[in-house]
Amino acid sequence: MKPEYSFKNARPVAEIPALARLQGEARGKTRITIMLDDDVLEAFRAKAEAQGTGYQTMINITLRQALSPESAPVTPEVLRQILRETLKAA
């Protein structure tokens, strides 16, 4: 290892396609540390490998789906309304 390095010929990341692409992919994402149960992590890894994608991407997709209103649990009020409509139609 040299005692000192010169960066006078260094190029900006934007001029190196592979590095620019990596830098662009990181936009809008935040690195965090999260503790997951081993079995949950293994399930995501196995599913991701079977589908040919990354397990972190699959976790992100799953979290995004959980946040959508369509995936919200059915409330008692909604269940009552569904039952009324079904019984009225029968």
PDB file of N, CA and C in Angstrom:
ATOM      1  N   MET A   1       0.837  -1.171   0.000  1.00  0.00           N
ATOM      2  CA  MET A   1       0.000   0.000   0.000  1.00  0.00           C
ATOM      3  C   MET A   1       0.886   1.239   0.000  1.00  0.00           C
ATOM      4  N   LYS A   2       0.542   2.149  -0.869  1.00  0.00           N
ATOM      5  CA  LYS A   2       1.324   3.382  -0.947  1.00  0.00           C
ATOM      6  C   LYS A   2       1.028   4.276   0.252  1.00  0.00           C
ATOM      7  N   PRO A   3       2.015   5.059   0.660  1.00  0.00           N
ATOM      8  CA  PRO A   3       1.766   5.976   1.776  1.00  0.00           C
ATOM      9  C   PRO A   3       0.842   7.126   1.378  1.00  0.00           C
ATOM     10  N   GLU A   4       0.793   7.426   0.070  1.00  0.00           N
ATOM     11  CA  GLU A   4      -0.050   8.534  -0.399  1.00  0.00           C
ATOM     12  C   GLU A   4      -0.525   8.232  -1.811  1.00  0.00           C
ATOM     13  N   TYR A   5      -1.764   8.609  -2.122  1.00  0.00           N
ATOM     14  CA  TYR A   5      -2.348   8.374  -3.447  1.00  0.00           C
ATOM     15  C   TYR A   5      -2.702   9.695  -4.095  1.00  0.00           C
ATOM     16  N   SER A   6      -2.581   9.728  -5.412  1.00  0.00           N
ATOM     17  CA  SER A   6      -2.943  10.922  -6.172  1.00  0.00           C
ATOM     18  C   SER A   6      -4.252  10.653  -6.914  1.00  0.00           C
ATOM     19  N   PHE A   7      -5.186  11.558  -6.809  1.00  0.00           N
ATOM     20  CA  PHE A   7      -6.471  11.433  -7.492  1.00  0.00           C
ATOM     21  C   PHE A   7      -6.628  12.474  -8.594  1.00  0.00           C
ATOM     22  N   LYS A   8      -5.516  13.001  -9.094  1.00  0.00           N
ATOM     23  CA  LYS A   8      -5.599  14.052 -10.096  1.00  0.00           C
ATOM     24  C   LYS A   8      -6.198  13.554 -11.405  1.00  0.00           C
ATOM     25  N   ASN A   9      -6.103  12.259 -11.707  1.00  0.00           N
ATOM     26  CA  ASN A   9      -6.679  11.703 -12.939  1.00  0.00           C
ATOM     27  C   ASN A   9      -8.013  10.992 -12.691  1.00  0.00           C
ATOM     28  N   ALA A  10      -8.547  11.137 -11.514  1.00  0.00           N
ATOM     29  CA  ALA A  10      -9.806  10.464 -11.181  1.00  0.00           C
ATOM     30  C   ALA A  10     -10.958  11.074 -11.968  1.00  0.00           C
ATOM     31  N   ARG A  11     -11.916  10.212 -12.339  1.00  0.00           N
ATOM     32  CA  ARG A  11     -13.089  10.679 -13.083  1.00  0.00           C
ATOM     33  C   ARG A  11     -14.306  10.657 -12.162  1.00  0.00           C
ATOM     34  N   PRO A  12     -15.274  11.536 -12.435  1.00  0.00           N
ATOM     35  CA  PRO A  12     -16.500  11.521 -11.642  1.00  0.00           C
ATOM     36  C   PRO A  12     -17.270  10.219 -11.866  1.00  0.00           C
ATOM     37  N   VAL A  13     -18.030   9.812 -10.894  1.00  0.00           N
ATOM     38  CA  VAL A  13     -18.818   8.584 -10.979  1.00  0.00           C
ATOM     39  C   VAL A  13     -19.736   8.617 -12.194  1.00  0.00           C
ATOM     40  N   ALA A  14     -20.297   9.763 -12.501  1.00  0.00           N
ATOM     41  CA  ALA A  14     -21.233   9.886 -13.617  1.00  0.00           C
ATOM     42  C   ALA A  14     -20.595   9.504 -14.958  1.00  0.00           C
ATOM     43  N   GLU A  15     -19.274   9.578 -15.070  1.00  0.00           N
ATOM     44  CA  GLU A  15     -18.584   9.245 -16.317  1.00  0.00           C
ATOM     45  C   GLU A  15     -18.263   7.757 -16.439  1.00  0.00           C
ATOM     46  N   ILE A  16     -18.487   6.998 -15.407  1.00  0.00           N
ATOM     47  CA  ILE A  16     -18.224   5.558 -15.436  1.00  0.00           C
ATOM     48  C   ILE A  16     -19.580   4.851 -15.410  1.00  0.00           C
ATOM     49  N   PRO A  17     -20.019   4.290 -16.560  1.00  0.00           N
ATOM     50  CA  PRO A  17     -21.381   3.765 -16.669  1.00  0.00           C
ATOM     51  C   PRO A  17     -21.812   2.803 -15.571  1.00  0.00           C
ATOM     52  N   ALA A  18     -20.969   1.861 -15.219  1.00  0.00           N
ATOM     53  CA  ALA A  18     -21.355   0.871 -14.203  1.00  0.00           C
ATOM     54  C   ALA A  18     -21.578   1.540 -12.849  1.00  0.00           C
ATOM     55  N   LEU A  19     -20.723   2.483 -12.488  1.00  0.00           N
ATOM     56  CA  LEU A  19     -20.874   3.166 -11.205  1.00  0.00           C
ATOM     57  C   LEU A  19     -22.046   4.135 -11.227  1.00  0.00           C
ATOM     58  N   ALA A  20     -22.257   4.796 -12.349  1.00  0.00           N
ATOM     59  CA  ALA A  20     -23.389   5.717 -12.473  1.00  0.00           C
ATOM     60  C   ALA A  20     -24.706   4.959 -12.329  1.00  0.00           C
ATOM     61  N   ARG A  21     -24.768   3.761 -12.919  1.00  0.00           N
ATOM     62  CA  ARG A  21     -25.990   2.945 -12.822  1.00  0.00           C
ATOM     63  C   ARG A  21     -26.247   2.549 -11.373  1.00  0.00           C
ATOM     64  N   LEU A  22     -25.201   2.122 -10.670  1.00  0.00           N
ATOM     65  CA  LEU A  22     -25.354   1.746  -9.268  1.00  0.00           C
ATOM     66  C   LEU A  22     -25.792   2.929  -8.412  1.00  0.00           C
ATOM     67  N   GLN A  23     -25.241   4.086  -8.694  1.00  0.00           N
ATOM     68  CA  GLN A  23     -25.599   5.273  -7.939  1.00  0.00           C
ATOM     69  C   GLN A  23     -27.055   5.656  -8.224  1.00  0.00           C
ATOM     70  N   GLY A  24     -27.493   5.502  -9.464  1.00  0.00           N
ATOM     71  CA  GLY A  24     -28.872   5.812  -9.826  1.00  0.00           C
ATOM     72  C   GLY A  24     -29.867   4.870  -9.182  1.00  0.00           C
ATOM     73  N   GLU A  25     -29.506   3.593  -9.034  1.00  0.00           N
ATOM     74  CA  GLU A  25     -30.396   2.614  -8.423  1.00  0.00           C
ATOM     75  C   GLU A  25     -30.603   2.895  -6.940  1.00  0.00           C
ATOM     76  N   ALA A  26     -29.676   3.551  -6.311  1.00  0.00           N
ATOM     77  CA  ALA A  26     -29.764   3.778  -4.871  1.00  0.00           C
ATOM     78  C   ALA A  26     -30.682   4.943  -4.517  1.00  0.00           C
ATOM     79  N   ARG A  27     -31.087   5.734  -5.490  1.00  0.00           N
ATOM     80  CA  ARG A  27     -31.946   6.884  -5.197  1.00  0.00           C
ATOM     81  C   ARG A  27     -33.292   6.408  -4.680  1.00  0.00           C
ATOM     82  N   GLY A  28     -33.786   7.099  -3.660  1.00  0.00           N
ATOM     83  CA  GLY A  28     -35.082   6.768  -3.113  1.00  0.00           C
ATOM     84  C   GLY A  28     -35.056   5.585  -2.169  1.00  0.00           C
ATOM     85  N   LYS A  29     -33.897   5.153  -1.775  1.00  0.00           N
ATOM     86  CA  LYS A  29     -33.787   4.022  -0.856  1.00  0.00           C
ATOM     87  C   LYS A  29     -32.937   4.436   0.332  1.00  0.00           C
ATOM     88  N   THR A  30     -33.224   3.826   1.463  1.00  0.00           N
ATOM     89  CA  THR A  30     -32.485   4.106   2.684  1.00  0.00           C
ATOM     90  C   THR A  30     -31.987   2.796   3.269  1.00  0.00           C
ATOM     91  N   ARG A  31     -30.733   2.772   3.617  1.00  0.00           N
ATOM     92  CA  ARG A  31     -30.150   1.577   4.239  1.00  0.00           C
ATOM     93  C   ARG A  31     -30.551   1.571   5.708  1.00  0.00           C
ATOM     94  N   ILE A  32     -31.110   0.429   6.150  1.00  0.00           N
ATOM     95  CA  ILE A  32     -31.490   0.268   7.547  1.00  0.00           C
ATOM     96  C   ILE A  32     -31.003  -1.082   8.044  1.00  0.00           C
ATOM     97  N   THR A  33     -31.038  -1.257   9.343  1.00  0.00           N
ATOM     98  CA  THR A  33     -30.766  -2.553   9.943  1.00  0.00           C
ATOM     99  C   THR A  33     -32.074  -3.043  10.520  1.00  0.00           C
ATOM    100  N   ILE A  34     -32.454  -4.270  10.197  1.00  0.00           N
ATOM    101  CA  ILE A  34     -33.714  -4.831  10.662  1.00  0.00           C
ATOM    102  C   ILE A  34     -33.466  -6.266  11.114  1.00  0.00           C
ATOM    103  N   MET A  35     -34.122  -6.648  12.186  1.00  0.00           N
ATOM    104  CA  MET A  35     -34.001  -8.004  12.694  1.00  0.00           C
ATOM    105  C   MET A  35     -35.224  -8.795  12.241  1.00  0.00           C
ATOM    106  N   LEU A  36     -34.995  -9.882  11.511  1.00  0.00           N
ATOM    107  CA  LEU A  36     -36.069 -10.754  11.039  1.00  0.00           C
ATOM    108  C   LEU A  36     -35.857 -12.143  11.620  1.00  0.00           C
ATOM    109  N   ASP A  37     -36.947 -12.848  11.827  1.00  0.00           N
ATOM    110  CA  ASP A  37     -36.830 -14.238  12.278  1.00  0.00           C
ATOM    111  C   ASP A  37     -36.138 -15.046  11.185  1.00  0.00           C
ATOM    112  N   ASP A  38     -35.331 -16.017  11.602  1.00  0.00           N
ATOM    113  CA  ASP A  38     -34.574 -16.831  10.647  1.00  0.00           C
ATOM    114  C   ASP A  38     -35.475 -17.518   9.633  1.00  0.00           C
ATOM    115  N   ASP A  39     -36.611 -18.062  10.113  1.00  0.00           N
ATOM    116  CA  ASP A  39     -37.499 -18.777   9.198  1.00  0.00           C
ATOM    117  C   ASP A  39     -38.136 -17.845   8.170  1.00  0.00           C
ATOM    118  N   VAL A  40     -38.418 -16.615   8.563  1.00  0.00           N
ATOM    119  CA  VAL A  40     -38.990 -15.636   7.626  1.00  0.00           C
ATOM    120  C   VAL A  40     -37.962 -15.292   6.555  1.00  0.00           C
ATOM    121  N   LEU A  41     -36.753 -15.025   6.976  1.00  0.00           N
ATOM    122  CA  LEU A  41     -35.695 -14.682   6.036  1.00  0.00           C
ATOM    123  C   LEU A  41     -35.415 -15.834   5.077  1.00  0.00           C
ATOM    124  N   GLU A  42     -35.349 -17.042   5.591  1.00  0.00           N
ATOM    125  CA  GLU A  42     -35.102 -18.205   4.730  1.00  0.00           C
ATOM    126  C   GLU A  42     -36.237 -18.396   3.721  1.00  0.00           C
ATOM    127  N   ALA A  43     -37.474 -18.155   4.151  1.00  0.00           N
ATOM    128  CA  ALA A  43     -38.618 -18.281   3.233  1.00  0.00           C
ATOM    129  C   ALA A  43     -38.515 -17.263   2.108  1.00  0.00           C
ATOM    130  N   PHE A  44     -38.147 -16.022   2.433  1.00  0.00           N
ATOM    131  CA  PHE A  44     -37.986 -15.002   1.389  1.00  0.00           C
ATOM    132  C   PHE A  44     -36.831 -15.348   0.459  1.00  0.00           C
ATOM    133  N   ARG A  45     -35.738 -15.834   1.019  1.00  0.00           N
ATOM    134  CA  ARG A  45     -34.593 -16.205   0.179  1.00  0.00           C
ATOM    135  C   ARG A  45     -34.949 -17.339  -0.769  1.00  0.00           C
ATOM    136  N   ALA A  46     -35.656 -18.354  -0.274  1.00  0.00           N
ATOM    137  CA  ALA A  46     -36.046 -19.486  -1.118  1.00  0.00           C
ATOM    138  C   ALA A  46     -37.014 -19.050  -2.212  1.00  0.00           C
ATOM    139  N   LYS A  47     -37.986 -18.239  -1.841  1.00  0.00           N
ATOM    140  CA  LYS A  47     -38.973 -17.763  -2.820  1.00  0.00           C
ATOM    141  C   LYS A  47     -38.299 -16.873  -3.870  1.00  0.00           C
ATOM    142  N   ALA A  48     -37.401 -16.018  -3.434  1.00  0.00           N
ATOM    143  CA  ALA A  48     -36.696 -15.127  -4.353  1.00  0.00           C
ATOM    144  C   ALA A  48     -35.823 -15.920  -5.314  1.00  0.00           C
ATOM    145  N   GLU A  49     -35.150 -16.936  -4.806  1.00  0.00           N
ATOM    146  CA  GLU A  49     -34.302 -17.759  -5.672  1.00  0.00           C
ATOM    147  C   GLU A  49     -35.145 -18.489  -6.715  1.00  0.00           C
ATOM    148  N   ALA A  50     -36.298 -18.994  -6.300  1.00  0.00           N
ATOM    149  CA  ALA A  50     -37.188 -19.701  -7.228  1.00  0.00           C
ATOM    150  C   ALA A  50     -37.713 -18.774  -8.322  1.00  0.00           C
ATOM    151  N   GLN A  51     -37.912 -17.494  -7.975  1.00  0.00           N
ATOM    152  CA  GLN A  51     -38.440 -16.538  -8.943  1.00  0.00           C
ATOM    153  C   GLN A  51     -37.337 -15.769  -9.674  1.00  0.00           C
ATOM    154  N   GLY A  52     -36.104 -15.973  -9.277  1.00  0.00           N
ATOM    155  CA  GLY A  52     -34.992 -15.310  -9.951  1.00  0.00           C
ATOM    156  C   GLY A  52     -34.874 -13.837  -9.631  1.00  0.00           C
ATOM    157  N   THR A  53     -35.198 -13.457  -8.415  1.00  0.00           N
ATOM    158  CA  THR A  53     -35.081 -12.062  -7.999  1.00  0.00           C
ATOM    159  C   THR A  53     -34.370 -12.012  -6.651  1.00  0.00           C
ATOM    160  N   GLY A  54     -34.130 -10.828  -6.146  1.00  0.00           N
ATOM    161  CA  GLY A  54     -33.450 -10.677  -4.870  1.00  0.00           C
ATOM    162  C   GLY A  54     -34.428 -10.760  -3.708  1.00  0.00           C
ATOM    163  N   TYR A  55     -33.976 -11.318  -2.598  1.00  0.00           N
ATOM    164  CA  TYR A  55     -34.869 -11.454  -1.450  1.00  0.00           C
ATOM    165  C   TYR A  55     -35.215 -10.105  -0.836  1.00  0.00           C
ATOM    166  N   GLN A  56     -34.305  -9.142  -0.887  1.00  0.00           N
ATOM    167  CA  GLN A  56     -34.606  -7.817  -0.355  1.00  0.00           C
ATOM    168  C   GLN A  56     -35.673  -7.133  -1.196  1.00  0.00           C
ATOM    169  N   THR A  57     -35.628  -7.356  -2.498  1.00  0.00           N
ATOM    170  CA  THR A  57     -36.660  -6.821  -3.382  1.00  0.00           C
ATOM    171  C   THR A  57     -38.005  -7.431  -3.027  1.00  0.00           C
ATOM    172  N   MET A  58     -38.036  -8.732  -2.771  1.00  0.00           N
ATOM    173  CA  MET A  58     -39.291  -9.393  -2.411  1.00  0.00           C
ATOM    174  C   MET A  58     -39.833  -8.875  -1.082  1.00  0.00           C
ATOM    175  N   ILE A  59     -38.958  -8.639  -0.123  1.00  0.00           N
ATOM    176  CA  ILE A  59     -39.401  -8.084   1.161  1.00  0.00           C
ATOM    177  C   ILE A  59     -39.985  -6.697   0.937  1.00  0.00           C
ATOM    178  N   ASN A  60     -39.345  -5.889   0.103  1.00  0.00           N
ATOM    179  CA  ASN A  60     -39.823  -4.547  -0.193  1.00  0.00           C
ATOM    180  C   ASN A  60     -41.201  -4.591  -0.858  1.00  0.00           C
ATOM    181  N   ILE A  61     -41.385  -5.499  -1.813  1.00  0.00           N
ATOM    182  CA  ILE A  61     -42.676  -5.645  -2.499  1.00  0.00           C
ATOM    183  C   ILE A  61     -43.755  -6.053  -1.498  1.00  0.00           C
ATOM    184  N   THR A  62     -43.435  -6.992  -0.618  1.00  0.00           N
ATOM    185  CA  THR A  62     -44.392  -7.458   0.382  1.00  0.00           C
ATOM    186  C   THR A  62     -44.792  -6.334   1.332  1.00  0.00           C
ATOM    187  N   LEU A  63     -43.832  -5.547   1.763  1.00  0.00           N
ATOM    188  CA  LEU A  63     -44.139  -4.418   2.640  1.00  0.00           C
ATOM    189  C   LEU A  63     -44.993  -3.385   1.917  1.00  0.00           C
ATOM    190  N   ARG A  64     -44.688  -3.133   0.656  1.00  0.00           N
ATOM    191  CA  ARG A  64     -45.483  -2.183  -0.130  1.00  0.00           C
ATOM    192  C   ARG A  64     -46.926  -2.657  -0.260  1.00  0.00           C
ATOM    193  N   GLN A  65     -47.118  -3.960  -0.505  1.00  0.00           N
ATOM    194  CA  GLN A  65     -48.468  -4.517  -0.610  1.00  0.00           C
ATOM    195  C   GLN A  65     -49.209  -4.404   0.715  1.00  0.00           C
ATOM    196  N   ALA A  66     -48.506  -4.606   1.815  1.00  0.00           N
ATOM    197  CA  ALA A  66     -49.140  -4.515   3.131  1.00  0.00           C
ATOM    198  C   ALA A  66     -49.616  -3.097   3.429  1.00  0.00           C
ATOM    199  N   LEU A  67     -48.989  -2.116   2.827  1.00  0.00           N
ATOM    200  CA  LEU A  67     -49.378  -0.722   3.045  1.00  0.00           C
ATOM    201  C   LEU A  67     -50.562  -0.287   2.184  1.00  0.00           C
ATOM    202  N   SER A  68     -50.873  -1.038   1.139  1.00  0.00           N
ATOM    203  CA  SER A  68     -51.949  -0.623   0.235  1.00  0.00           C
ATOM    204  C   SER A  68     -53.308  -0.849   0.892  1.00  0.00           C
ATOM    205  N   PRO A  69     -54.268   0.037   0.635  1.00  0.00           N
ATOM    206  CA  PRO A  69     -55.597  -0.075   1.247  1.00  0.00           C
ATOM    207  C   PRO A  69     -56.321  -1.369   0.874  1.00  0.00           C
ATOM    208  N   GLU A  70     -56.044  -1.919  -0.306  1.00  0.00           N
ATOM    209  CA  GLU A  70     -56.710  -3.142  -0.744  1.00  0.00           C
ATOM    210  C   GLU A  70     -56.355  -4.336   0.133  1.00  0.00           C
ATOM    211  N   SER A  71     -55.205  -4.294   0.763  1.00  0.00           N
ATOM    212  CA  SER A  71     -54.781  -5.436   1.576  1.00  0.00           C
ATOM    213  C   SER A  71     -55.131  -5.266   3.051  1.00  0.00           C
ATOM    214  N   ALA A  72     -55.854  -4.187   3.370  1.00  0.00           N
ATOM    215  CA  ALA A  72     -56.234  -3.946   4.764  1.00  0.00           C
ATOM    216  C   ALA A  72     -57.171  -5.049   5.246  1.00  0.00           C
ATOM    217  N   PRO A  73     -57.093  -5.403   6.518  1.00  0.00           N
ATOM    218  CA  PRO A  73     -57.992  -6.438   7.024  1.00  0.00           C
ATOM    219  C   PRO A  73     -59.444  -5.972   6.982  1.00  0.00           C
ATOM    220  N   VAL A  74     -60.347  -6.919   6.876  1.00  0.00           N
ATOM    221  CA  VAL A  74     -61.774  -6.599   6.830  1.00  0.00           C
ATOM    222  C   VAL A  74     -62.221  -6.200   8.233  1.00  0.00           C
ATOM    223  N   THR A  75     -62.826  -5.032   8.322  1.00  0.00           N
ATOM    224  CA  THR A  75     -63.322  -4.552   9.608  1.00  0.00           C
ATOM    225  C   THR A  75     -64.681  -5.190   9.897  1.00  0.00           C
ATOM    226  N   PRO A  76     -65.107  -5.207  11.150  1.00  0.00           N
ATOM    227  CA  PRO A  76     -66.433  -5.759  11.466  1.00  0.00           C
ATOM    228  C   PRO A  76     -67.565  -5.071  10.697  1.00  0.00           C
ATOM    229  N   GLU A  77     -67.442  -3.766  10.495  1.00  0.00           N
ATOM    230  CA  GLU A  77     -68.477  -3.034   9.772  1.00  0.00           C
ATOM    231  C   GLU A  77     -68.571  -3.510   8.324  1.00  0.00           C
ATOM    232  N   VAL A  78     -67.440  -3.673   7.694  1.00  0.00           N
ATOM    233  CA  VAL A  78     -67.422  -4.135   6.306  1.00  0.00           C
ATOM    234  C   VAL A  78     -67.962  -5.558   6.223  1.00  0.00           C
ATOM    235  N   LEU A  79     -67.580  -6.406   7.156  1.00  0.00           N
ATOM    236  CA  LEU A  79     -68.068  -7.782   7.175  1.00  0.00           C
ATOM    237  C   LEU A  79     -69.588  -7.822   7.331  1.00  0.00           C
ATOM    238  N   ARG A  80     -70.125  -6.987   8.226  1.00  0.00           N
ATOM    239  CA  ARG A  80     -71.583  -6.927   8.394  1.00  0.00           C
ATOM    240  C   ARG A  80     -72.271  -6.519   7.097  1.00  0.00           C
ATOM    241  N   GLN A  81     -71.715  -5.530   6.419  1.00  0.00           N
ATOM    242  CA  GLN A  81     -72.295  -5.063   5.158  1.00  0.00           C
ATOM    243  C   GLN A  81     -72.270  -6.169   4.103  1.00  0.00           C
ATOM    244  N   ILE A  82     -71.181  -6.881   4.016  1.00  0.00           N
ATOM    245  CA  ILE A  82     -71.069  -7.984   3.048  1.00  0.00           C
ATOM    246  C   ILE A  82     -72.098  -9.066   3.372  1.00  0.00           C
ATOM    247  N   LEU A  83     -72.240  -9.399   4.650  1.00  0.00           N
ATOM    248  CA  LEU A  83     -73.209 -10.419   5.051  1.00  0.00           C
ATOM    249  C   LEU A  83     -74.641  -9.977   4.758  1.00  0.00           C
ATOM    250  N   ARG A  84     -74.947  -8.700   5.032  1.00  0.00           N
ATOM    251  CA  ARG A  84     -76.302  -8.194   4.724  1.00  0.00           C
ATOM    252  C   ARG A  84     -76.606  -8.315   3.246  1.00  0.00           C
ATOM    253  N   GLU A  85     -75.644  -7.899   2.412  1.00  0.00           N
ATOM    254  CA  GLU A  85     -75.849  -7.942   0.958  1.00  0.00           C
ATOM    255  C   GLU A  85     -75.995  -9.383   0.470  1.00  0.00           C
ATOM    256  N   THR A  86     -75.200 -10.278   1.025  1.00  0.00           N
ATOM    257  CA  THR A  86     -75.246 -11.682   0.606  1.00  0.00           C
ATOM    258  C   THR A  86     -76.565 -12.323   1.036  1.00  0.00           C
ATOM    259  N   LEU A  87     -77.001 -12.058   2.275  1.00  0.00           N
ATOM    260  CA  LEU A  87     -78.252 -12.646   2.761  1.00  0.00           C
ATOM    261  C   LEU A  87     -79.461 -12.062   2.043  1.00  0.00           C
ATOM    262  N   LYS A  88     -79.398 -10.787   1.704  1.00  0.00           N
ATOM    263  CA  LYS A  88     -80.505 -10.137   0.986  1.00  0.00           C
ATOM    264  C   LYS A  88     -80.637 -10.746  -0.415  1.00  0.00           C
ATOM    265  N   ALA A  89     -79.501 -11.046  -1.061  1.00  0.00           N
ATOM    266  CA  ALA A  89     -79.519 -11.607  -2.413  1.00  0.00           C
ATOM    267  C   ALA A  89     -79.977 -13.059  -2.409  1.00  0.00           C
ATOM    268  N   ALA A  90     -79.829 -13.759  -1.297  1.00  0.00           N
ATOM    269  CA  ALA A  90     -80.171 -15.194  -1.247  1.00  0.00           C
ATOM    270  C   ALA A  90     -81.606 -15.427  -1.033  1.00  0.00           C
TER     271      ALA A  90
END
